[in-house]
Amino acid sequence: MERGEAGVKEKLKRILKTVWEFLVNPRLLLCFVAAWMITNGWSYVLLVLGTWLEIKWMMAVAGAYLAFLWLPISPEKVVTVAITIALLRWWFPNDTRTLGKLKAMREKLRLKKEEHKQKKEQKKDREN
């Protein structure tokens, strides 16, 4: 194995470990479950109750919403993540570990966006 491959593997292990620690944080999981119940869970509960109690309107409402969720245009996942982050900030404002990682990720994305914009401007200047 070459030296470069070992470095890439170590970097990948570090990244995966960081992501894993971020995702299995109990506070984040609690907020995610609450956000999922707000966006999706209620419809599954309604479908089960409607089927069990044989209430047609419950099954119809839940079925229609669940059908919408499975469409490719459904923004449910983005909304669930946004609600998760909002709940995390609201319920656990002193959770510096998780919120710090979110801030670091946002800053990294901002810097990459600026870098991309500068490269695009440099390329445009070279073409002129």
N, C-alpha and C. Protein backbone atom coordinates (compact mmCIF):
# COMPACT_ATOMS: atom_id res chain seq x y z
N MET A 1 0.85 -1.18 0.00
CA MET A 1 0.00 0.00 0.00
C MET A 1 0.89 1.23 0.00
N GLU A 2 0.52 2.17 -0.83
CA GLU A 2 1.31 3.39 -0.93
C GLU A 2 0.98 4.33 0.21
N ARG A 3 1.88 5.27 0.42
CA ARG A 3 1.73 6.23 1.49
C ARG A 3 0.48 7.11 1.29
N GLY A 4 0.18 7.48 0.07
CA GLY A 4 -0.98 8.32 -0.24
C GLY A 4 -2.29 7.63 0.08
N GLU A 5 -2.36 6.33 -0.21
CA GLU A 5 -3.58 5.58 0.08
C GLU A 5 -3.84 5.51 1.58
N ALA A 6 -2.79 5.32 2.36
CA ALA A 6 -2.93 5.26 3.82
C ALA A 6 -3.44 6.59 4.36
N GLY A 7 -2.95 7.69 3.81
CA GLY A 7 -3.40 9.00 4.24
C GLY A 7 -4.86 9.24 3.92
N VAL A 8 -5.28 8.78 2.74
CA VAL A 8 -6.67 8.94 2.34
C VAL A 8 -7.57 8.10 3.24
N LYS A 9 -7.13 6.88 3.54
CA LYS A 9 -7.92 6.00 4.41
C LYS A 9 -8.05 6.58 5.82
N GLU A 10 -6.96 7.13 6.33
CA GLU A 10 -7.01 7.73 7.67
C GLU A 10 -7.93 8.95 7.69
N LYS A 11 -7.86 9.75 6.64
CA LYS A 11 -8.72 10.93 6.56
C LYS A 11 -10.19 10.51 6.47
N LEU A 12 -10.46 9.47 5.69
CA LEU A 12 -11.82 8.96 5.56
C LEU A 12 -12.32 8.41 6.89
N LYS A 13 -11.45 7.70 7.62
CA LYS A 13 -11.84 7.17 8.93
C LYS A 13 -12.19 8.31 9.90
N ARG A 14 -11.38 9.37 9.88
CA ARG A 14 -11.64 10.52 10.74
C ARG A 14 -12.98 11.16 10.41
N ILE A 15 -13.23 11.33 9.12
CA ILE A 15 -14.48 11.95 8.68
C ILE A 15 -15.67 11.09 9.08
N LEU A 16 -15.58 9.78 8.83
CA LEU A 16 -16.67 8.88 9.18
C LEU A 16 -16.92 8.84 10.68
N LYS A 17 -15.84 8.88 11.46
CA LYS A 17 -15.99 8.88 12.92
C LYS A 17 -16.70 10.16 13.37
N THR A 18 -16.33 11.29 12.81
CA THR A 18 -16.96 12.56 13.17
C THR A 18 -18.44 12.55 12.80
N VAL A 19 -18.75 12.06 11.61
CA VAL A 19 -20.15 12.00 11.17
C VAL A 19 -20.94 11.06 12.08
N TRP A 20 -20.36 9.90 12.41
CA TRP A 20 -21.03 8.93 13.27
C TRP A 20 -21.32 9.53 14.65
N GLU A 21 -20.32 10.19 15.24
CA GLU A 21 -20.51 10.81 16.55
C GLU A 21 -21.58 11.90 16.50
N PHE A 22 -21.63 12.61 15.39
CA PHE A 22 -22.62 13.66 15.22
C PHE A 22 -24.03 13.06 15.14
N LEU A 23 -24.18 12.00 14.36
CA LEU A 23 -25.49 11.41 14.12
C LEU A 23 -26.05 10.65 15.32
N VAL A 24 -25.20 10.04 16.13
CA VAL A 24 -25.70 9.24 17.25
C VAL A 24 -25.75 10.04 18.55
N ASN A 25 -25.61 11.32 18.47
CA ASN A 25 -25.75 12.19 19.63
C ASN A 25 -27.20 12.09 20.11
N PRO A 26 -27.43 11.72 21.38
CA PRO A 26 -28.80 11.54 21.88
C PRO A 26 -29.68 12.78 21.72
N ARG A 27 -29.12 13.95 21.88
CA ARG A 27 -29.91 15.17 21.74
C ARG A 27 -30.37 15.37 20.30
N LEU A 28 -29.45 15.12 19.38
CA LEU A 28 -29.81 15.24 17.96
C LEU A 28 -30.85 14.19 17.59
N LEU A 29 -30.68 12.97 18.09
CA LEU A 29 -31.65 11.91 17.80
C LEU A 29 -33.03 12.26 18.33
N LEU A 30 -33.10 12.81 19.54
CA LEU A 30 -34.38 13.21 20.12
C LEU A 30 -35.05 14.28 19.25
N CYS A 31 -34.27 15.26 18.83
CA CYS A 31 -34.81 16.32 17.98
C CYS A 31 -35.24 15.78 16.62
N PHE A 32 -34.46 14.83 16.09
CA PHE A 32 -34.82 14.24 14.79
C PHE A 32 -36.11 13.45 14.89
N VAL A 33 -36.28 12.67 15.96
CA VAL A 33 -37.51 11.89 16.13
C VAL A 33 -38.71 12.84 16.25
N ALA A 34 -38.56 13.91 17.01
CA ALA A 34 -39.64 14.89 17.15
C ALA A 34 -39.96 15.54 15.80
N ALA A 35 -38.93 15.90 15.05
CA ALA A 35 -39.14 16.52 13.74
C ALA A 35 -39.79 15.53 12.77
N TRP A 36 -39.37 14.27 12.84
CA TRP A 36 -39.96 13.26 11.97
C TRP A 36 -41.43 13.05 12.31
N MET A 37 -41.76 13.09 13.60
CA MET A 37 -43.17 12.94 14.00
C MET A 37 -44.00 14.13 13.49
N ILE A 38 -43.39 15.29 13.47
CA ILE A 38 -44.11 16.48 12.97
C ILE A 38 -44.34 16.37 11.47
N THR A 39 -43.34 15.91 10.72
CA THR A 39 -43.47 15.88 9.27
C THR A 39 -44.09 14.59 8.73
N ASN A 40 -43.79 13.44 9.33
CA ASN A 40 -44.25 12.16 8.78
C ASN A 40 -45.03 11.31 9.76
N GLY A 41 -44.54 11.23 10.97
CA GLY A 41 -45.02 10.25 11.93
C GLY A 41 -46.51 10.29 12.18
N TRP A 42 -47.06 11.49 12.22
CA TRP A 42 -48.49 11.62 12.47
C TRP A 42 -49.30 10.87 11.43
N SER A 43 -48.84 10.86 10.18
CA SER A 43 -49.61 10.19 9.13
C SER A 43 -49.57 8.67 9.29
N TYR A 44 -48.43 8.14 9.73
CA TYR A 44 -48.36 6.70 9.99
C TYR A 44 -49.26 6.32 11.17
N VAL A 45 -49.24 7.14 12.22
CA VAL A 45 -50.11 6.89 13.37
C VAL A 45 -51.58 6.95 12.95
N LEU A 46 -51.91 7.97 12.16
CA LEU A 46 -53.29 8.12 11.68
C LEU A 46 -53.70 6.93 10.81
N LEU A 47 -52.79 6.45 9.97
CA LEU A 47 -53.10 5.31 9.11
C LEU A 47 -53.35 4.05 9.94
N VAL A 48 -52.51 3.81 10.94
CA VAL A 48 -52.68 2.63 11.79
C VAL A 48 -53.99 2.73 12.58
N LEU A 49 -54.23 3.89 13.20
CA LEU A 49 -55.47 4.07 13.96
C LEU A 49 -56.70 3.96 13.07
N GLY A 50 -56.63 4.59 11.91
CA GLY A 50 -57.76 4.54 10.99
C GLY A 50 -58.06 3.13 10.51
N THR A 51 -57.02 2.35 10.27
CA THR A 51 -57.21 0.96 9.85
C THR A 51 -57.76 0.11 11.00
N TRP A 52 -57.18 0.30 12.18
CA TRP A 52 -57.59 -0.48 13.35
C TRP A 52 -59.03 -0.18 13.76
N LEU A 53 -59.37 1.11 13.77
CA LEU A 53 -60.72 1.52 14.17
C LEU A 53 -61.70 1.60 13.00
N GLU A 54 -61.21 1.32 11.81
CA GLU A 54 -62.02 1.34 10.58
C GLU A 54 -62.67 2.71 10.35
N ILE A 55 -61.86 3.75 10.46
CA ILE A 55 -62.33 5.12 10.22
C ILE A 55 -61.79 5.54 8.85
N LYS A 56 -62.70 5.66 7.90
CA LYS A 56 -62.33 5.88 6.50
C LYS A 56 -61.59 7.20 6.27
N TRP A 57 -62.06 8.30 6.90
CA TRP A 57 -61.43 9.58 6.63
C TRP A 57 -59.99 9.61 7.13
N MET A 58 -59.69 8.92 8.25
CA MET A 58 -58.31 8.85 8.75
C MET A 58 -57.42 8.14 7.74
N MET A 59 -57.92 7.03 7.22
CA MET A 59 -57.12 6.28 6.25
C MET A 59 -56.92 7.09 4.97
N ALA A 60 -57.95 7.84 4.56
CA ALA A 60 -57.84 8.64 3.33
C ALA A 60 -56.83 9.77 3.49
N VAL A 61 -56.92 10.50 4.60
CA VAL A 61 -56.00 11.62 4.83
C VAL A 61 -54.57 11.11 4.95
N ALA A 62 -54.37 10.06 5.75
CA ALA A 62 -53.03 9.51 5.94
C ALA A 62 -52.49 8.94 4.64
N GLY A 63 -53.32 8.22 3.91
CA GLY A 63 -52.88 7.63 2.64
C GLY A 63 -52.48 8.69 1.62
N ALA A 64 -53.28 9.76 1.53
CA ALA A 64 -52.97 10.83 0.58
C ALA A 64 -51.66 11.52 0.95
N TYR A 65 -51.46 11.80 2.24
CA TYR A 65 -50.22 12.46 2.65
C TYR A 65 -49.01 11.55 2.44
N LEU A 66 -49.17 10.28 2.78
CA LEU A 66 -48.06 9.33 2.58
C LEU A 66 -47.73 9.18 1.09
N ALA A 67 -48.74 9.20 0.25
CA ALA A 67 -48.49 9.13 -1.19
C ALA A 67 -47.69 10.35 -1.65
N PHE A 68 -48.03 11.52 -1.11
CA PHE A 68 -47.28 12.73 -1.44
C PHE A 68 -45.83 12.63 -0.97
N LEU A 69 -45.62 12.05 0.22
CA LEU A 69 -44.26 11.94 0.76
C LEU A 69 -43.35 11.13 -0.14
N TRP A 70 -43.88 10.15 -0.82
CA TRP A 70 -43.06 9.27 -1.64
C TRP A 70 -42.82 9.83 -3.04
N LEU A 71 -43.38 10.98 -3.36
CA LEU A 71 -43.11 11.62 -4.64
C LEU A 71 -41.71 12.21 -4.64
N PRO A 72 -41.02 12.20 -5.77
CA PRO A 72 -39.67 12.78 -5.81
C PRO A 72 -39.63 14.28 -5.52
N ILE A 73 -40.73 14.96 -5.71
CA ILE A 73 -40.75 16.42 -5.49
C ILE A 73 -41.03 16.79 -4.04
N SER A 74 -41.26 15.82 -3.18
CA SER A 74 -41.59 16.09 -1.78
C SER A 74 -40.37 16.66 -1.04
N PRO A 75 -40.52 17.83 -0.44
CA PRO A 75 -39.41 18.45 0.30
C PRO A 75 -39.31 17.97 1.74
N GLU A 76 -39.92 16.84 2.05
CA GLU A 76 -40.04 16.36 3.43
C GLU A 76 -38.70 16.19 4.13
N LYS A 77 -37.71 15.64 3.46
CA LYS A 77 -36.42 15.39 4.11
C LYS A 77 -35.71 16.70 4.46
N VAL A 78 -35.77 17.65 3.58
CA VAL A 78 -35.15 18.95 3.84
C VAL A 78 -35.87 19.64 5.00
N VAL A 79 -37.19 19.57 5.00
CA VAL A 79 -37.98 20.18 6.07
C VAL A 79 -37.70 19.49 7.40
N THR A 80 -37.58 18.16 7.38
CA THR A 80 -37.31 17.42 8.61
C THR A 80 -35.96 17.82 9.19
N VAL A 81 -34.94 17.93 8.36
CA VAL A 81 -33.62 18.34 8.84
C VAL A 81 -33.66 19.77 9.38
N ALA A 82 -34.36 20.65 8.68
CA ALA A 82 -34.46 22.04 9.16
C ALA A 82 -35.17 22.11 10.51
N ILE A 83 -36.24 21.36 10.66
CA ILE A 83 -36.95 21.34 11.95
C ILE A 83 -36.06 20.73 13.03
N THR A 84 -35.29 19.70 12.68
CA THR A 84 -34.38 19.07 13.64
C THR A 84 -33.38 20.10 14.17
N ILE A 85 -32.78 20.86 13.28
CA ILE A 85 -31.80 21.86 13.69
C ILE A 85 -32.46 22.96 14.53
N ALA A 86 -33.66 23.37 14.12
CA ALA A 86 -34.38 24.40 14.89
C ALA A 86 -34.70 23.89 16.29
N LEU A 87 -35.17 22.65 16.40
CA LEU A 87 -35.48 22.08 17.71
C LEU A 87 -34.23 21.94 18.56
N LEU A 88 -33.13 21.55 17.92
CA LEU A 88 -31.86 21.41 18.64
C LEU A 88 -31.43 22.75 19.23
N ARG A 89 -31.55 23.80 18.45
CA ARG A 89 -31.18 25.13 18.94
C ARG A 89 -32.13 25.62 20.03
N TRP A 90 -33.40 25.25 19.92
CA TRP A 90 -34.41 25.71 20.88
C TRP A 90 -34.34 24.92 22.18
N TRP A 91 -34.29 23.59 22.09
CA TRP A 91 -34.30 22.74 23.28
C TRP A 91 -32.95 22.65 23.98
N PHE A 92 -31.88 22.69 23.21
CA PHE A 92 -30.53 22.52 23.78
C PHE A 92 -29.60 23.64 23.31
N PRO A 93 -29.85 24.87 23.73
CA PRO A 93 -29.01 25.98 23.26
C PRO A 93 -27.57 25.92 23.77
N ASN A 94 -27.32 25.16 24.83
CA ASN A 94 -25.97 25.06 25.39
C ASN A 94 -25.22 23.82 24.92
N ASP A 95 -25.76 23.10 23.96
CA ASP A 95 -25.10 21.91 23.43
C ASP A 95 -24.01 22.36 22.45
N THR A 96 -22.87 22.72 23.01
CA THR A 96 -21.79 23.28 22.18
C THR A 96 -21.19 22.24 21.24
N ARG A 97 -21.23 20.97 21.62
CA ARG A 97 -20.63 19.94 20.78
C ARG A 97 -21.37 19.83 19.44
N THR A 98 -22.68 19.63 19.48
CA THR A 98 -23.44 19.45 18.25
C THR A 98 -23.59 20.76 17.49
N LEU A 99 -23.98 21.81 18.20
CA LEU A 99 -24.15 23.10 17.54
C LEU A 99 -22.82 23.61 17.00
N GLY A 100 -21.72 23.33 17.70
CA GLY A 100 -20.40 23.72 17.21
C GLY A 100 -20.05 23.03 15.90
N LYS A 101 -20.39 21.74 15.82
CA LYS A 101 -20.14 21.02 14.57
C LYS A 101 -20.99 21.57 13.43
N LEU A 102 -22.24 21.93 13.74
CA LEU A 102 -23.09 22.53 12.72
C LEU A 102 -22.53 23.87 12.24
N LYS A 103 -22.05 24.67 13.19
CA LYS A 103 -21.46 25.97 12.82
C LYS A 103 -20.20 25.78 11.99
N ALA A 104 -19.39 24.79 12.36
CA ALA A 104 -18.16 24.52 11.60
C ALA A 104 -18.49 24.07 10.19
N MET A 105 -19.51 23.22 10.05
CA MET A 105 -19.90 22.77 8.72
C MET A 105 -20.42 23.93 7.88
N ARG A 106 -21.21 24.81 8.50
CA ARG A 106 -21.73 25.97 7.78
C ARG A 106 -20.60 26.89 7.34
N GLU A 107 -19.61 27.10 8.22
CA GLU A 107 -18.48 27.96 7.88
C GLU A 107 -17.65 27.35 6.75
N LYS A 108 -17.45 26.04 6.81
CA LYS A 108 -16.69 25.36 5.76
C LYS A 108 -17.39 25.49 4.41
N LEU A 109 -18.72 25.34 4.41
CA LEU A 109 -19.48 25.51 3.17
C LEU A 109 -19.40 26.94 2.65
N ARG A 110 -19.45 27.90 3.56
CA ARG A 110 -19.34 29.31 3.16
C ARG A 110 -17.99 29.59 2.52
N LEU A 111 -16.93 29.06 3.13
CA LEU A 111 -15.59 29.26 2.58
C LEU A 111 -15.43 28.60 1.22
N LYS A 112 -15.97 27.40 1.07
CA LYS A 112 -15.90 26.72 -0.23
C LYS A 112 -16.67 27.49 -1.30
N LYS A 113 -17.80 28.07 -0.90
CA LYS A 113 -18.59 28.86 -1.85
C LYS A 113 -17.80 30.09 -2.29
N GLU A 114 -17.16 30.76 -1.34
CA GLU A 114 -16.35 31.93 -1.68
C GLU A 114 -15.17 31.54 -2.58
N GLU A 115 -14.54 30.41 -2.26
CA GLU A 115 -13.43 29.92 -3.07
C GLU A 115 -13.87 29.66 -4.50
N HIS A 116 -15.02 29.00 -4.63
CA HIS A 116 -15.55 28.69 -5.96
C HIS A 116 -15.86 29.97 -6.73
N LYS A 117 -16.41 30.95 -6.02
CA LYS A 117 -16.74 32.23 -6.65
C LYS A 117 -15.48 32.94 -7.13
N GLN A 118 -14.40 32.91 -6.31
CA GLN A 118 -13.14 33.54 -6.69
C GLN A 118 -12.53 32.84 -7.90
N LYS A 119 -12.56 31.51 -7.91
CA LYS A 119 -12.01 30.77 -9.05
C LYS A 119 -12.78 31.09 -10.32
N LYS A 120 -14.10 31.22 -10.19
CA LYS A 120 -14.93 31.54 -11.34
C LYS A 120 -14.59 32.93 -11.87
N GLU A 121 -14.37 33.89 -10.95
CA GLU A 121 -14.02 35.25 -11.36
C GLU A 121 -12.63 35.28 -12.01
N GLN A 122 -11.68 34.51 -11.47
CA GLN A 122 -10.34 34.45 -12.05
C GLN A 122 -10.38 33.86 -13.45
N LYS A 123 -11.18 32.83 -13.63
CA LYS A 123 -11.31 32.21 -14.94
C LYS A 123 -11.92 33.19 -15.92
N LYS A 124 -12.92 33.95 -15.45
CA LYS A 124 -13.57 34.94 -16.30
C LYS A 124 -12.58 36.03 -16.70
N ASP A 125 -11.71 36.48 -15.74
CA ASP A 125 -10.72 37.49 -16.01
C ASP A 125 -9.69 37.00 -17.03
N ARG A 126 -9.28 35.74 -16.91
CA ARG A 126 -8.31 35.17 -17.86
C ARG A 126 -8.87 35.09 -19.27
N GLU A 127 -10.18 34.85 -19.37
CA GLU A 127 -10.81 34.73 -20.69
C GLU A 127 -10.90 36.09 -21.36
N ASN A 128 -10.97 37.17 -20.58
CA ASN A 128 -11.09 38.52 -21.15
C ASN A 128 -9.76 39.03 -21.51
